[in-house]
PDB file of N, CA and C in Angstrom:
ATOM      1  N   UNK A   1      -9.734 -17.570   1.280  1.00  0.00           N
ATOM      2  CA  UNK A   1      -8.705 -16.801   0.680  1.00  0.00           C
ATOM      3  C   UNK A   1      -8.951 -16.846  -0.998  1.00  0.00           C
ATOM      4  N   UNK A   2      -9.391 -18.034  -1.632  1.00  0.00           N
ATOM      5  CA  UNK A   2      -9.392 -17.942  -3.252  1.00  0.00           C
ATOM      6  C   UNK A   2     -10.757 -17.227  -3.509  1.00  0.00           C
ATOM      7  N   UNK A   3     -11.892 -16.992  -2.386  1.00  0.00           N
ATOM      8  CA  UNK A   3     -12.838 -16.162  -2.726  1.00  0.00           C
ATOM      9  C   UNK A   3     -12.246 -14.454  -2.998  1.00  0.00           C
ATOM     10  N   UNK A   4     -11.589 -14.288  -1.643  1.00  0.00           N
ATOM     11  CA  UNK A   4     -10.729 -12.909  -1.875  1.00  0.00           C
ATOM     12  C   UNK A   4      -9.983 -12.808  -3.028  1.00  0.00           C
ATOM     13  N   UNK A   5      -9.328 -13.380  -3.483  1.00  0.00           N
ATOM     14  CA  UNK A   5      -8.146 -13.439  -4.573  1.00  0.00           C
ATOM     15  C   UNK A   5      -9.370 -13.395  -6.133  1.00  0.00           C
ATOM     16  N   UNK A   6     -10.241 -14.156  -6.071  1.00  0.00           N
ATOM     17  CA  UNK A   6     -11.198 -13.900  -6.988  1.00  0.00           C
ATOM     18  C   UNK A   6     -11.838 -12.702  -7.199  1.00  0.00           C
ATOM     19  N   UNK A   7     -12.259 -11.951  -6.252  1.00  0.00           N
ATOM     20  CA  UNK A   7     -12.681 -10.800  -6.063  1.00  0.00           C
ATOM     21  C   UNK A   7     -11.880  -9.583  -6.568  1.00  0.00           C
ATOM     22  N   UNK A   8     -10.931  -9.677  -6.116  1.00  0.00           N
ATOM     23  CA  UNK A   8      -9.771  -8.986  -6.505  1.00  0.00           C
ATOM     24  C   UNK A   8      -9.460  -9.102  -8.024  1.00  0.00           C
ATOM     25  N   UNK A   9      -9.377 -10.232  -8.513  1.00  0.00           N
ATOM     26  CA  UNK A   9      -9.039 -10.207 -10.168  1.00  0.00           C
ATOM     27  C   UNK A   9     -10.458  -9.774 -10.634  1.00  0.00           C
ATOM     28  N   UNK A  10     -11.576  -9.892 -10.606  1.00  0.00           N
ATOM     29  CA  UNK A  10     -12.796  -9.492 -11.083  1.00  0.00           C
ATOM     30  C   UNK A  10     -12.874  -8.060 -11.036  1.00  0.00           C
ATOM     31  N   UNK A  11     -12.345  -7.532  -9.542  1.00  0.00           N
ATOM     32  CA  UNK A  11     -12.064  -5.639  -9.769  1.00  0.00           C
ATOM     33  C   UNK A  11     -11.412  -5.162 -10.823  1.00  0.00           C
ATOM     34  N   UNK A  12     -10.249  -6.002 -10.724  1.00  0.00           N
ATOM     35  CA  UNK A  12      -8.810  -5.401 -11.752  1.00  0.00           C
ATOM     36  C   UNK A  12      -9.357  -5.863 -12.967  1.00  0.00           C
ATOM     37  N   UNK A  13     -10.011  -7.035 -13.431  1.00  0.00           N
ATOM     38  CA  UNK A  13     -10.698  -6.790 -14.939  1.00  0.00           C
ATOM     39  C   UNK A  13     -11.852  -5.749 -15.219  1.00  0.00           C
ATOM     40  N   UNK A  14     -12.584  -5.253 -13.982  1.00  0.00           N
ATOM     41  CA  UNK A  14     -13.477  -4.337 -14.700  1.00  0.00           C
ATOM     42  C   UNK A  14     -12.899  -3.391 -14.651  1.00  0.00           C
ATOM     43  N   UNK A  15     -12.294  -3.123 -13.785  1.00  0.00           N
ATOM     44  CA  UNK A  15     -11.326  -1.541 -13.901  1.00  0.00           C
ATOM     45  C   UNK A  15     -10.631  -1.788 -15.289  1.00  0.00           C
ATOM     46  N   UNK A  16      -9.839  -2.734 -15.904  1.00  0.00           N
ATOM     47  CA  UNK A  16      -9.125  -2.707 -17.149  1.00  0.00           C
ATOM     48  C   UNK A  16     -10.370  -2.330 -18.480  1.00  0.00           C
ATOM     49  N   UNK A  17     -11.006  -2.928 -18.300  1.00  0.00           N
ATOM     50  CA  UNK A  17     -12.256  -2.631 -19.564  1.00  0.00           C
ATOM     51  C   UNK A  17     -12.732  -1.282 -19.358  1.00  0.00           C
ATOM     52  N   UNK A  18     -13.594  -1.242 -18.043  1.00  0.00           N
ATOM     53  CA  UNK A  18     -13.314   0.332 -18.321  1.00  0.00           C
ATOM     54  C   UNK A  18     -12.310   1.443 -18.608  1.00  0.00           C
ATOM     55  N   UNK A  19     -11.584   0.928 -18.197  1.00  0.00           N
ATOM     56  CA  UNK A  19     -10.379   2.189 -18.647  1.00  0.00           C
ATOM     57  C   UNK A  19     -10.071   2.199 -20.127  1.00  0.00           C
ATOM     58  N   UNK A  20     -10.009   0.895 -20.695  1.00  0.00           N
ATOM     59  CA  UNK A  20     -10.118   0.609 -21.892  1.00  0.00           C
ATOM     60  C   UNK A  20     -11.348   1.509 -22.975  1.00  0.00           C
ATOM     61  N   UNK A  21     -12.774   1.516 -22.175  1.00  0.00           N
ATOM     62  CA  UNK A  21     -13.534   2.085 -23.054  1.00  0.00           C
ATOM     63  C   UNK A  21     -13.486   3.393 -22.865  1.00  0.00           C
ATOM     64  N   UNK A  22     -13.241   4.191 -21.723  1.00  0.00           N
ATOM     65  CA  UNK A  22     -12.759   5.462 -21.631  1.00  0.00           C
ATOM     66  C   UNK A  22     -11.909   6.123 -22.487  1.00  0.00           C
ATOM     67  N   UNK A  23     -10.941   5.193 -22.527  1.00  0.00           N
ATOM     68  CA  UNK A  23      -9.551   5.597 -23.840  1.00  0.00           C
ATOM     69  C   UNK A  23     -10.200   5.600 -25.147  1.00  0.00           C
ATOM     70  N   UNK A  24     -10.941   4.692 -25.554  1.00  0.00           N
ATOM     71  CA  UNK A  24     -11.816   4.637 -26.571  1.00  0.00           C
ATOM     72  C   UNK A  24     -12.558   5.932 -27.183  1.00  0.00           C
ATOM     73  N   UNK A  25     -13.080   6.388 -25.910  1.00  0.00           N
ATOM     74  CA  UNK A  25     -13.690   7.405 -25.882  1.00  0.00           C
ATOM     75  C   UNK A  25     -13.321   8.803 -25.611  1.00  0.00           C
ATOM     76  N   UNK A  26     -11.790   8.547 -26.161  1.00  0.00           N
ATOM     77  CA  UNK A  26     -10.833   9.927 -25.757  1.00  0.00           C
ATOM     78  C   UNK A  26     -10.887  10.579 -24.497  1.00  0.00           C
ATOM     79  N   UNK A  27     -11.174   9.867 -23.446  1.00  0.00           N
ATOM     80  CA  UNK A  27     -11.136  10.412 -22.087  1.00  0.00           C
ATOM     81  C   UNK A  27     -10.321  10.169 -20.946  1.00  0.00           C
ATOM     82  N   UNK A  28      -9.834  11.308 -20.098  1.00  0.00           N
ATOM     83  CA  UNK A  28      -8.565  10.997 -19.480  1.00  0.00           C
ATOM     84  C   UNK A  28      -9.091  11.072 -17.723  1.00  0.00           C
ATOM     85  N   UNK A  29      -8.270  10.686 -16.999  1.00  0.00           N
ATOM     86  CA  UNK A  29      -8.231  11.049 -15.949  1.00  0.00           C
ATOM     87  C   UNK A  29      -8.436  12.422 -15.587  1.00  0.00           C
ATOM     88  N   UNK A  30      -7.309  13.397 -15.835  1.00  0.00           N
ATOM     89  CA  UNK A  30      -7.311  14.588 -15.629  1.00  0.00           C
ATOM     90  C   UNK A  30      -8.574  15.419 -16.344  1.00  0.00           C
ATOM     91  N   UNK A  31      -9.032  14.825 -17.538  1.00  0.00           N
ATOM     92  CA  UNK A  31     -10.153  15.689 -18.048  1.00  0.00           C
ATOM     93  C   UNK A  31     -11.319  15.328 -17.214  1.00  0.00           C
ATOM     94  N   UNK A  32     -11.589  14.079 -16.908  1.00  0.00           N
ATOM     95  CA  UNK A  32     -12.775  14.057 -15.665  1.00  0.00           C
ATOM     96  C   UNK A  32     -12.553  14.661 -14.698  1.00  0.00           C
ATOM     97  N   UNK A  33     -11.713  14.631 -14.266  1.00  0.00           N
ATOM     98  CA  UNK A  33     -11.194  15.702 -12.728  1.00  0.00           C
ATOM     99  C   UNK A  33     -11.547  16.930 -13.325  1.00  0.00           C
ATOM    100  N   UNK A  34     -10.882  17.506 -14.154  1.00  0.00           N
ATOM    101  CA  UNK A  34     -11.041  19.125 -14.755  1.00  0.00           C
ATOM    102  C   UNK A  34     -12.889  19.380 -14.741  1.00  0.00           C
ATOM    103  N   UNK A  35     -13.663  18.443 -15.179  1.00  0.00           N
ATOM    104  CA  UNK A  35     -14.919  18.668 -15.613  1.00  0.00           C
ATOM    105  C   UNK A  35     -15.847  18.810 -14.152  1.00  0.00           C
ATOM    106  N   UNK A  36     -15.408  17.955 -13.173  1.00  0.00           N
ATOM    107  CA  UNK A  36     -16.082  18.359 -12.158  1.00  0.00           C
ATOM    108  C   UNK A  36     -15.259  19.154 -10.904  1.00  0.00           C
ATOM    109  N   UNK A  37     -14.458  20.131 -11.605  1.00  0.00           N
ATOM    110  CA  UNK A  37     -13.656  21.023 -10.555  1.00  0.00           C
ATOM    111  C   UNK A  37     -12.612  20.709 -10.043  1.00  0.00           C
ATOM    112  N   UNK A  38     -11.936  19.713 -10.128  1.00  0.00           N
ATOM    113  CA  UNK A  38     -10.793  18.966  -9.487  1.00  0.00           C
ATOM    114  C   UNK A  38      -9.217  18.588 -10.097  1.00  0.00           C
ATOM    115  N   UNK A  39      -8.294  19.356  -9.212  1.00  0.00           N
ATOM    116  CA  UNK A  39      -6.935  18.812  -9.954  1.00  0.00           C
ATOM    117  C   UNK A  39      -6.615  17.627  -9.191  1.00  0.00           C
ATOM    118  N   UNK A  40      -5.681  16.969 -10.066  1.00  0.00           N
ATOM    119  CA  UNK A  40      -4.791  15.605  -9.372  1.00  0.00           C
ATOM    120  C   UNK A  40      -4.351  15.917  -7.904  1.00  0.00           C
ATOM    121  N   UNK A  41      -3.733  17.310  -7.738  1.00  0.00           N
ATOM    122  CA  UNK A  41      -3.175  17.742  -6.649  1.00  0.00           C
ATOM    123  C   UNK A  41      -4.316  17.926  -5.386  1.00  0.00           C
ATOM    124  N   UNK A  42      -5.378  18.363  -5.980  1.00  0.00           N
ATOM    125  CA  UNK A  42      -6.350  18.290  -4.848  1.00  0.00           C
ATOM    126  C   UNK A  42      -7.063  17.127  -4.468  1.00  0.00           C
ATOM    127  N   UNK A  43      -7.255  15.909  -5.125  1.00  0.00           N
ATOM    128  CA  UNK A  43      -7.426  14.874  -5.087  1.00  0.00           C
ATOM    129  C   UNK A  43      -6.253  14.137  -4.073  1.00  0.00           C
ATOM    130  N   UNK A  44      -4.968  14.312  -4.190  1.00  0.00           N
ATOM    131  CA  UNK A  44      -4.405  13.741  -3.421  1.00  0.00           C
ATOM    132  C   UNK A  44      -4.061  14.309  -2.186  1.00  0.00           C
ATOM    133  N   UNK A  45      -4.537  15.407  -1.995  1.00  0.00           N
ATOM    134  CA  UNK A  45      -4.508  16.294  -0.655  1.00  0.00           C
ATOM    135  C   UNK A  45      -5.691  15.769   0.419  1.00  0.00           C
ATOM    136  N   UNK A  46      -6.867  15.574  -0.644  1.00  0.00           N
ATOM    137  CA  UNK A  46      -8.357  14.831  -0.060  1.00  0.00           C
ATOM    138  C   UNK A  46      -7.810  13.752   0.413  1.00  0.00           C
ATOM    139  N   UNK A  47      -7.426  12.918   0.180  1.00  0.00           N
ATOM    140  CA  UNK A  47      -7.079  11.206   0.685  1.00  0.00           C
ATOM    141  C   UNK A  47      -5.806  11.491   1.397  1.00  0.00           C
ATOM    142  N   UNK A  48      -4.693  12.144   1.334  1.00  0.00           N
ATOM    143  CA  UNK A  48      -4.008  12.306   2.339  1.00  0.00           C
ATOM    144  C   UNK A  48      -4.852  12.833   3.766  1.00  0.00           C
ATOM    145  N   UNK A  49      -5.692  13.952   3.931  1.00  0.00           N
ATOM    146  CA  UNK A  49      -6.232  14.015   4.678  1.00  0.00           C
ATOM    147  C   UNK A  49      -7.370  12.865   5.251  1.00  0.00           C
ATOM    148  N   UNK A  50      -8.013  12.280   4.505  1.00  0.00           N
ATOM    149  CA  UNK A  50      -8.413  11.190   4.891  1.00  0.00           C
ATOM    150  C   UNK A  50      -7.770   9.948   5.348  1.00  0.00           C
ATOM    151  N   UNK A  51      -6.523  10.033   4.752  1.00  0.00           N
ATOM    152  CA  UNK A  51      -5.970   9.057   6.026  1.00  0.00           C
ATOM    153  C   UNK A  51      -5.404   9.315   6.961  1.00  0.00           C
ATOM    154  N   UNK A  52      -5.018  10.513   7.291  1.00  0.00           N
ATOM    155  CA  UNK A  52      -4.668  11.217   8.315  1.00  0.00           C
ATOM    156  C   UNK A  52      -5.818  10.953   9.264  1.00  0.00           C
ATOM    157  N   UNK A  53      -7.180  11.194   8.941  1.00  0.00           N
ATOM    158  CA  UNK A  53      -8.422  10.843   9.406  1.00  0.00           C
ATOM    159  C   UNK A  53      -8.489   9.785  10.206  1.00  0.00           C
ATOM    160  N   UNK A  54      -8.556   8.647   9.226  1.00  0.00           N
ATOM    161  CA  UNK A  54      -8.621   7.203   9.278  1.00  0.00           C
ATOM    162  C   UNK A  54      -8.007   6.331  10.276  1.00  0.00           C
ATOM    163  N   UNK A  55      -6.457   6.587   9.860  1.00  0.00           N
ATOM    164  CA  UNK A  55      -5.508   5.905  10.797  1.00  0.00           C
ATOM    165  C   UNK A  55      -5.687   5.768  12.071  1.00  0.00           C
ATOM    166  N   UNK A  56      -5.725   6.859  12.755  1.00  0.00           N
ATOM    167  CA  UNK A  56      -5.778   6.675  14.161  1.00  0.00           C
ATOM    168  C   UNK A  56      -7.395   6.408  14.751  1.00  0.00           C
ATOM    169  N   UNK A  57      -8.357   6.489  13.679  1.00  0.00           N
ATOM    170  CA  UNK A  57      -9.579   5.932  14.418  1.00  0.00           C
ATOM    171  C   UNK A  57      -9.836   4.564  14.341  1.00  0.00           C
ATOM    172  N   UNK A  58      -9.149   3.975  13.403  1.00  0.00           N
ATOM    173  CA  UNK A  58      -8.930   2.498  12.968  1.00  0.00           C
ATOM    174  C   UNK A  58      -8.016   1.789  13.857  1.00  0.00           C
ATOM    175  N   UNK A  59      -7.099   2.402  14.289  1.00  0.00           N
ATOM    176  CA  UNK A  59      -6.273   1.965  15.535  1.00  0.00           C
ATOM    177  C   UNK A  59      -6.609   1.937  16.693  1.00  0.00           C
ATOM    178  N   UNK A  60      -7.752   3.008  17.070  1.00  0.00           N
ATOM    179  CA  UNK A  60      -8.344   3.141  18.189  1.00  0.00           C
ATOM    180  C   UNK A  60      -9.471   2.231  18.307  1.00  0.00           C
ATOM    181  N   UNK A  61     -10.357   1.829  17.026  1.00  0.00           N
ATOM    182  CA  UNK A  61     -11.228   0.943  17.138  1.00  0.00           C
ATOM    183  C   UNK A  61     -10.855  -0.315  17.125  1.00  0.00           C
ATOM    184  N   UNK A  62      -9.301  -0.616  16.861  1.00  0.00           N
ATOM    185  CA  UNK A  62      -8.949  -2.289  16.571  1.00  0.00           C
ATOM    186  C   UNK A  62      -8.286  -2.631  18.322  1.00  0.00           C
ATOM    187  N   UNK A  63      -8.384  -1.673  18.906  1.00  0.00           N
ATOM    188  CA  UNK A  63      -7.792  -1.897  20.482  1.00  0.00           C
ATOM    189  C   UNK A  63      -9.049  -2.354  21.246  1.00  0.00           C
ATOM    190  N   UNK A  64      -9.992  -1.862  20.647  1.00  0.00           N
ATOM    191  CA  UNK A  64     -11.257  -2.694  21.192  1.00  0.00           C
ATOM    192  C   UNK A  64     -11.877  -3.895  20.511  1.00  0.00           C
ATOM    193  N   UNK A  65     -11.745  -4.310  19.297  1.00  0.00           N
ATOM    194  CA  UNK A  65     -12.555  -5.000  18.722  1.00  0.00           C
ATOM    195  C   UNK A  65     -11.653  -6.510  18.577  1.00  0.00           C
ATOM    196  N   UNK A  66     -10.487  -5.884  18.261  1.00  0.00           N
ATOM    197  CA  UNK A  66      -9.383  -7.309  18.167  1.00  0.00           C
ATOM    198  C   UNK A  66      -9.401  -8.107  19.647  1.00  0.00           C
ATOM    199  N   UNK A  67      -9.330  -7.262  21.010  1.00  0.00           N
ATOM    200  CA  UNK A  67      -9.637  -8.718  22.143  1.00  0.00           C
ATOM    201  C   UNK A  67     -10.690  -8.917  22.217  1.00  0.00           C
ATOM    202  N   UNK A  68     -11.808  -8.476  21.559  1.00  0.00           N
ATOM    203  CA  UNK A  68     -13.160  -9.291  21.751  1.00  0.00           C
ATOM    204  C   UNK A  68     -13.266 -10.206  20.811  1.00  0.00           C
ATOM    205  N   UNK A  69     -12.933 -10.389  19.445  1.00  0.00           N
ATOM    206  CA  UNK A  69     -12.701 -11.170  18.470  1.00  0.00           C
ATOM    207  C   UNK A  69     -12.228 -12.536  19.211  1.00  0.00           C
ATOM    208  N   UNK A  70     -10.671 -11.995  19.393  1.00  0.00           N
ATOM    209  CA  UNK A  70     -10.046 -12.919  20.246  1.00  0.00           C
ATOM    210  C   UNK A  70     -10.748 -13.938  21.248  1.00  0.00           C
ATOM    211  N   UNK A  71     -11.420 -13.234  22.374  1.00  0.00           N
ATOM    212  CA  UNK A  71     -12.295 -13.966  23.522  1.00  0.00           C
ATOM    213  C   UNK A  71     -13.319 -14.885  22.836  1.00  0.00           C
ATOM    214  N   UNK A  72     -14.006 -14.315  21.895  1.00  0.00           N
ATOM    215  CA  UNK A  72     -15.363 -14.899  21.161  1.00  0.00           C
ATOM    216  C   UNK A  72     -14.343 -16.031  20.500  1.00  0.00           C
ATOM    217  N   UNK A  73     -13.243 -15.973  19.704  1.00  0.00           N
ATOM    218  CA  UNK A  73     -12.812 -17.261  19.032  1.00  0.00           C
ATOM    219  C   UNK A  73     -12.246 -18.230  19.770  1.00  0.00           C
ATOM    220  N   UNK A  74     -11.548 -17.811  20.888  1.00  0.00           N
ATOM    221  CA  UNK A  74     -11.293 -18.569  21.931  1.00  0.00           C
ATOM    222  C   UNK A  74     -12.356 -19.672  22.320  1.00  0.00           C
ATOM    223  N   UNK A  75     -13.506 -18.845  22.981  1.00  0.00           N
ATOM    224  CA  UNK A  75     -14.412 -19.812  23.284  1.00  0.00           C
ATOM    225  C   UNK A  75     -15.457 -20.100  22.720  1.00  0.00           C
ATOM    226  N   UNK A  76     -15.507 -20.417  21.415  1.00  0.00           N
ATOM    227  CA  UNK A  76     -16.003 -20.675  20.315  1.00  0.00           C
ATOM    228  C   UNK A  76     -16.010 -22.546  20.223  1.00  0.00           C
ATOM    229  N   UNK A  77     -16.989 -23.337  20.132  1.00  0.00           N
ATOM    230  CA  UNK A  77     -16.637 -24.816  20.312  1.00  0.00           C
ATOM    231  C   UNK A  77     -15.843 -25.303  18.883  1.00  0.00           C
ATOM    232  N   UNK A  78     -15.394 -26.377  19.309  1.00  0.00           N
ATOM    233  CA  UNK A  78     -14.734 -26.827  18.072  1.00  0.00           C
ATOM    234  C   UNK A  78     -15.248 -27.384  16.937  1.00  0.00           C
ATOM    235  N   UNK A  79     -15.257 -27.035  15.667  1.00  0.00           N
ATOM    236  CA  UNK A  79     -15.760 -27.833  14.675  1.00  0.00           C
ATOM    237  C   UNK A  79     -15.423 -29.003  14.687  1.00  0.00           C
ATOM    238  N   UNK A  80     -16.037 -29.807  13.844  1.00  0.00           N
ATOM    239  CA  UNK A  80     -16.086 -31.363  13.050  1.00  0.00           C
ATOM    240  C   UNK A  80     -15.848 -32.289  14.140  1.00  0.00           C
TER     241      UNK A  80
END
């Protein structure tokens, strides 16, 4: 748990530093998106479409993976 929290802190810190550097270079998210031919609305539409595709697949996969994991976990020999 501490390892995952540490990873999140590192990602947040790296993102903050990258954002500060980009701000000092007078770049914004809108400018970068326009350079690659995208708009914030188009990005949001793509994210929404991606979530609509991913959620049913994650649920379907978890209906197989979670029971298999549970059986393996229950039959694992005790530690220590």
